PDB file of all heavy atoms in Angstrom:
ATOM      1  N   GLY A   1      15.357  20.337   1.313  1.00  0.00           N
ATOM      2  CA  GLY A   1      14.196  20.763   0.549  1.00  0.00           C
ATOM      3  C   GLY A   1      13.848  19.858  -0.609  1.00  0.00           C
ATOM      4  O   GLY A   1      13.053  20.236  -1.480  1.00  0.00           O
ATOM      5  N   ILE A   2      14.422  18.659  -0.666  1.00  0.00           N
ATOM      6  CA  ILE A   2      14.150  17.709  -1.749  1.00  0.00           C
ATOM      7  C   ILE A   2      12.980  16.817  -1.347  1.00  0.00           C
ATOM      8  O   ILE A   2      13.026  16.166  -0.292  1.00  0.00           O
ATOM      9  CB  ILE A   2      15.392  16.860  -2.055  1.00  0.00           C
ATOM     10  CG1 ILE A   2      16.516  17.757  -2.590  1.00  0.00           C
ATOM     11  CG2 ILE A   2      15.064  15.745  -3.044  1.00  0.00           C
ATOM     12  CD1 ILE A   2      17.835  17.033  -2.780  1.00  0.00           C
ATOM     13  N   ARG A   3      11.951  16.797  -2.184  1.00  0.00           N
ATOM     14  CA  ARG A   3      10.769  15.973  -1.874  1.00  0.00           C
ATOM     15  C   ARG A   3      10.898  14.617  -2.553  1.00  0.00           C
ATOM     16  O   ARG A   3      11.063  14.521  -3.764  1.00  0.00           O
ATOM     17  CB  ARG A   3       9.483  16.649  -2.328  1.00  0.00           C
ATOM     18  CG  ARG A   3       8.222  15.859  -1.905  1.00  0.00           C
ATOM     19  CD  ARG A   3       6.959  16.576  -2.303  1.00  0.00           C
ATOM     20  NE  ARG A   3       6.799  17.837  -1.611  1.00  0.00           N
ATOM     21  CZ  ARG A   3       6.322  17.957  -0.362  1.00  0.00           C
ATOM     22  NH1 ARG A   3       5.985  16.882   0.324  1.00  0.00           N
ATOM     23  NH2 ARG A   3       6.199  19.140   0.183  1.00  0.00           N
ATOM     24  N   ILE A   4      10.791  13.566  -1.749  1.00  0.00           N
ATOM     25  CA  ILE A   4      10.856  12.188  -2.224  1.00  0.00           C
ATOM     26  C   ILE A   4       9.470  11.570  -2.093  1.00  0.00           C
ATOM     27  O   ILE A   4       8.826  11.693  -1.036  1.00  0.00           O
ATOM     28  CB  ILE A   4      11.872  11.358  -1.409  1.00  0.00           C
ATOM     29  CG1 ILE A   4      13.261  12.012  -1.457  1.00  0.00           C
ATOM     30  CG2 ILE A   4      11.946   9.930  -1.924  1.00  0.00           C
ATOM     31  CD1 ILE A   4      14.265  11.363  -0.534  1.00  0.00           C
ATOM     32  N   VAL A   5       8.998  10.929  -3.146  1.00  0.00           N
ATOM     33  CA  VAL A   5       7.706  10.244  -3.139  1.00  0.00           C
ATOM     34  C   VAL A   5       7.945   8.778  -3.454  1.00  0.00           C
ATOM     35  O   VAL A   5       8.709   8.447  -4.376  1.00  0.00           O
ATOM     36  CB  VAL A   5       6.741  10.862  -4.179  1.00  0.00           C
ATOM     37  CG1 VAL A   5       5.419  10.094  -4.197  1.00  0.00           C
ATOM     38  CG2 VAL A   5       6.501  12.333  -3.866  1.00  0.00           C
ATOM     39  N   ALA A   6       7.318   7.891  -2.696  1.00  0.00           N
ATOM     40  CA  ALA A   6       7.536   6.455  -2.870  1.00  0.00           C
ATOM     41  C   ALA A   6       6.226   5.724  -3.079  1.00  0.00           C
ATOM     42  O   ALA A   6       5.209   6.041  -2.443  1.00  0.00           O
ATOM     43  CB  ALA A   6       8.253   5.878  -1.657  1.00  0.00           C
ATOM     44  N   LEU A   7       6.245   4.746  -3.989  1.00  0.00           N
ATOM     45  CA  LEU A   7       5.153   3.780  -4.138  1.00  0.00           C
ATOM     46  C   LEU A   7       5.820   2.424  -4.269  1.00  0.00           C
ATOM     47  O   LEU A   7       6.280   2.039  -5.340  1.00  0.00           O
ATOM     48  CB  LEU A   7       4.297   4.092  -5.366  1.00  0.00           C
ATOM     49  CG  LEU A   7       3.108   3.150  -5.587  1.00  0.00           C
ATOM     50  CD1 LEU A   7       2.129   3.243  -4.426  1.00  0.00           C
ATOM     51  CD2 LEU A   7       2.400   3.464  -6.896  1.00  0.00           C
ATOM     52  N   GLY A   8       5.894   1.709  -3.141  1.00  0.00           N
ATOM     53  CA  GLY A   8       6.623   0.455  -3.119  1.00  0.00           C
ATOM     54  C   GLY A   8       5.744  -0.756  -3.351  1.00  0.00           C
ATOM     55  O   GLY A   8       4.521  -0.677  -3.402  1.00  0.00           O
ATOM     56  N   GLY A   9       6.389  -1.913  -3.490  1.00  0.00           N
ATOM     57  CA  GLY A   9       5.672  -3.156  -3.662  1.00  0.00           C
ATOM     58  C   GLY A   9       5.250  -3.407  -5.102  1.00  0.00           C
ATOM     59  O   GLY A   9       5.677  -2.727  -6.029  1.00  0.00           O
ATOM     60  N   THR A  10       4.383  -4.397  -5.271  1.00  0.00           N
ATOM     61  CA  THR A  10       3.865  -4.768  -6.585  1.00  0.00           C
ATOM     62  C   THR A  10       2.350  -4.652  -6.586  1.00  0.00           C
ATOM     63  O   THR A  10       1.713  -4.685  -5.529  1.00  0.00           O
ATOM     64  CB  THR A  10       4.262  -6.209  -6.949  1.00  0.00           C
ATOM     65  OG1 THR A  10       3.763  -7.102  -5.933  1.00  0.00           O
ATOM     66  CG2 THR A  10       5.774  -6.358  -7.031  1.00  0.00           C
ATOM     67  N   MET A  11       1.778  -4.521  -7.772  1.00  0.00           N
ATOM     68  CA  MET A  11       0.337  -4.339  -7.885  1.00  0.00           C
ATOM     69  C   MET A  11      -0.418  -5.550  -7.352  1.00  0.00           C
ATOM     70  O   MET A  11      -0.113  -6.692  -7.666  1.00  0.00           O
ATOM     71  CB  MET A  11      -0.044  -4.105  -9.344  1.00  0.00           C
ATOM     72  CG  MET A  11      -1.534  -4.124  -9.619  1.00  0.00           C
ATOM     73  SD  MET A  11      -2.435  -2.809  -8.799  1.00  0.00           S
ATOM     74  CE  MET A  11      -2.085  -1.451  -9.905  1.00  0.00           C
ATOM     75  N   GLY A  12      -1.414  -5.283  -6.497  1.00  0.00           N
ATOM     76  CA  GLY A  12      -2.252  -6.340  -5.942  1.00  0.00           C
ATOM     77  C   GLY A  12      -3.335  -5.717  -5.119  1.00  0.00           C
ATOM     78  O   GLY A  12      -3.055  -4.985  -4.161  1.00  0.00           O
ATOM     79  N   GLU A  13      -4.588  -5.958  -5.466  1.00  0.00           N
ATOM     80  CA  GLU A  13      -5.703  -5.287  -4.795  1.00  0.00           C
ATOM     81  C   GLU A  13      -5.873  -5.791  -3.378  1.00  0.00           C
ATOM     82  O   GLU A  13      -6.524  -6.780  -3.103  1.00  0.00           O
ATOM     83  CB  GLU A  13      -7.003  -5.500  -5.581  1.00  0.00           C
ATOM     84  CG  GLU A  13      -7.024  -4.804  -6.915  1.00  0.00           C
ATOM     85  CD  GLU A  13      -7.125  -3.288  -6.762  1.00  0.00           C
ATOM     86  OE1 GLU A  13      -7.551  -2.830  -5.691  1.00  0.00           O
ATOM     87  OE2 GLU A  13      -6.775  -2.585  -7.712  1.00  0.00           O
ATOM     88  N   ALA A  14      -5.312  -5.062  -2.432  1.00  0.00           N
ATOM     89  CA  ALA A  14      -5.419  -5.466  -1.032  1.00  0.00           C
ATOM     90  C   ALA A  14      -6.812  -5.244  -0.481  1.00  0.00           C
ATOM     91  O   ALA A  14      -7.257  -5.927   0.417  1.00  0.00           O
ATOM     92  CB  ALA A  14      -4.401  -4.681  -0.189  1.00  0.00           C
ATOM     93  N   GLU A  15      -7.552  -4.221  -1.052  1.00  0.00           N
ATOM     94  CA  GLU A  15      -8.854  -3.896  -0.473  1.00  0.00           C
ATOM     95  C   GLU A  15      -9.859  -5.031  -0.611  1.00  0.00           C
ATOM     96  O   GLU A  15     -10.787  -5.144   0.156  1.00  0.00           O
ATOM     97  CB  GLU A  15      -9.438  -2.639  -1.148  1.00  0.00           C
ATOM     98  CG  GLU A  15      -8.629  -1.400  -0.922  1.00  0.00           C
ATOM     99  CD  GLU A  15      -7.875  -1.041  -2.184  1.00  0.00           C
ATOM    100  OE1 GLU A  15      -7.210  -1.908  -2.752  1.00  0.00           O
ATOM    101  OE2 GLU A  15      -7.969   0.128  -2.597  1.00  0.00           O
ATOM    102  N   GLY A  16      -9.668  -5.892  -1.590  1.00  0.00           N
ATOM    103  CA  GLY A  16     -10.663  -6.911  -1.874  1.00  0.00           C
ATOM    104  C   GLY A  16     -10.497  -8.178  -1.064  1.00  0.00           C
ATOM    105  O   GLY A  16     -11.225  -9.135  -1.259  1.00  0.00           O
ATOM    106  N   ARG A  17      -9.561  -8.217  -0.143  1.00  0.00           N
ATOM    107  CA  ARG A  17      -9.331  -9.454   0.608  1.00  0.00           C
ATOM    108  C   ARG A  17     -10.447  -9.667   1.631  1.00  0.00           C
ATOM    109  O   ARG A  17     -11.046  -8.731   2.150  1.00  0.00           O
ATOM    110  CB  ARG A  17      -7.979  -9.372   1.317  1.00  0.00           C
ATOM    111  CG  ARG A  17      -6.821  -9.265   0.328  1.00  0.00           C
ATOM    112  CD  ARG A  17      -5.499  -9.254   1.033  1.00  0.00           C
ATOM    113  NE  ARG A  17      -4.404  -9.149   0.069  1.00  0.00           N
ATOM    114  CZ  ARG A  17      -3.128  -9.155   0.394  1.00  0.00           C
ATOM    115  NH1 ARG A  17      -2.778  -9.275   1.655  1.00  0.00           N
ATOM    116  NH2 ARG A  17      -2.206  -9.040  -0.542  1.00  0.00           N
ATOM    117  N   SER A  18     -10.680 -10.944   1.954  1.00  0.00           N
ATOM    118  CA  SER A  18     -11.771 -11.266   2.863  1.00  0.00           C
ATOM    119  C   SER A  18     -11.492 -10.764   4.275  1.00  0.00           C
ATOM    120  O   SER A  18     -12.405 -10.426   5.008  1.00  0.00           O
ATOM    121  CB  SER A  18     -11.992 -12.784   2.895  1.00  0.00           C
ATOM    122  OG  SER A  18     -10.782 -13.449   3.259  1.00  0.00           O
ATOM    123  N   LYS A  19     -10.213 -10.711   4.677  1.00  0.00           N
ATOM    124  CA  LYS A  19      -9.850 -10.186   5.980  1.00  0.00           C
ATOM    125  C   LYS A  19      -9.005  -8.937   5.779  1.00  0.00           C
ATOM    126  O   LYS A  19      -7.794  -9.030   5.561  1.00  0.00           O
ATOM    127  CB  LYS A  19      -9.069 -11.221   6.795  1.00  0.00           C
ATOM    128  CG  LYS A  19      -9.900 -12.438   7.179  1.00  0.00           C
ATOM    129  CD  LYS A  19      -9.098 -13.377   8.037  1.00  0.00           C
ATOM    130  CE  LYS A  19      -9.931 -14.582   8.450  1.00  0.00           C
ATOM    131  NZ  LYS A  19      -9.164 -15.515   9.293  1.00  0.00           N
ATOM    132  N   PRO A  20      -9.639  -7.788   5.808  1.00  0.00           N
ATOM    133  CA  PRO A  20      -8.892  -6.563   5.538  1.00  0.00           C
ATOM    134  C   PRO A  20      -7.724  -6.399   6.492  1.00  0.00           C
ATOM    135  O   PRO A  20      -7.830  -6.674   7.687  1.00  0.00           O
ATOM    136  CB  PRO A  20      -9.948  -5.463   5.744  1.00  0.00           C
ATOM    137  CG  PRO A  20     -11.262  -6.133   5.557  1.00  0.00           C
ATOM    138  CD  PRO A  20     -11.072  -7.520   6.074  1.00  0.00           C
ATOM    139  N   GLU A  21      -6.605  -5.922   5.931  1.00  0.00           N
ATOM    140  CA  GLU A  21      -5.426  -5.710   6.750  1.00  0.00           C
ATOM    141  C   GLU A  21      -5.605  -4.462   7.605  1.00  0.00           C
ATOM    142  O   GLU A  21      -6.241  -3.497   7.206  1.00  0.00           O
ATOM    143  CB  GLU A  21      -4.198  -5.532   5.851  1.00  0.00           C
ATOM    144  CG  GLU A  21      -3.908  -6.739   4.985  1.00  0.00           C
ATOM    145  CD  GLU A  21      -2.875  -6.410   3.941  1.00  0.00           C
ATOM    146  OE1 GLU A  21      -2.970  -5.331   3.338  1.00  0.00           O
ATOM    147  OE2 GLU A  21      -1.978  -7.229   3.734  1.00  0.00           O
ATOM    148  N   SER A  22      -5.019  -4.473   8.779  1.00  0.00           N
ATOM    149  CA  SER A  22      -5.026  -3.263   9.589  1.00  0.00           C
ATOM    150  C   SER A  22      -4.090  -2.255   8.965  1.00  0.00           C
ATOM    151  O   SER A  22      -3.217  -2.598   8.166  1.00  0.00           O
ATOM    152  CB  SER A  22      -4.564  -3.586  11.018  1.00  0.00           C
ATOM    153  OG  SER A  22      -3.187  -3.948  11.006  1.00  0.00           O
ATOM    154  N   ASN A  23      -4.250  -1.001   9.324  1.00  0.00           N
ATOM    155  CA  ASN A  23      -3.378   0.032   8.765  1.00  0.00           C
ATOM    156  C   ASN A  23      -1.921  -0.255   9.092  1.00  0.00           C
ATOM    157  O   ASN A  23      -1.038  -0.022   8.296  1.00  0.00           O
ATOM    158  CB  ASN A  23      -3.776   1.403   9.304  1.00  0.00           C
ATOM    159  CG  ASN A  23      -5.121   1.854   8.750  1.00  0.00           C
ATOM    160  OD1 ASN A  23      -5.519   1.412   7.692  1.00  0.00           O
ATOM    161  ND2 ASN A  23      -5.808   2.717   9.482  1.00  0.00           N
ATOM    162  N   ALA A  24      -1.680  -0.761  10.290  1.00  0.00           N
ATOM    163  CA  ALA A  24      -0.298  -0.997  10.717  1.00  0.00           C
ATOM    164  C   ALA A  24       0.347  -2.101   9.905  1.00  0.00           C
ATOM    165  O   ALA A  24       1.446  -1.959   9.401  1.00  0.00           O
ATOM    166  CB  ALA A  24      -0.257  -1.337  12.208  1.00  0.00           C
TER     167      ALA A  24
END
């Protein structure tokens, strides 16, 4: 019953890239 929340990596606006990454 323990809820774990994760936010990994470092800050970097991925949405603004010219070739958007796929979800996968």
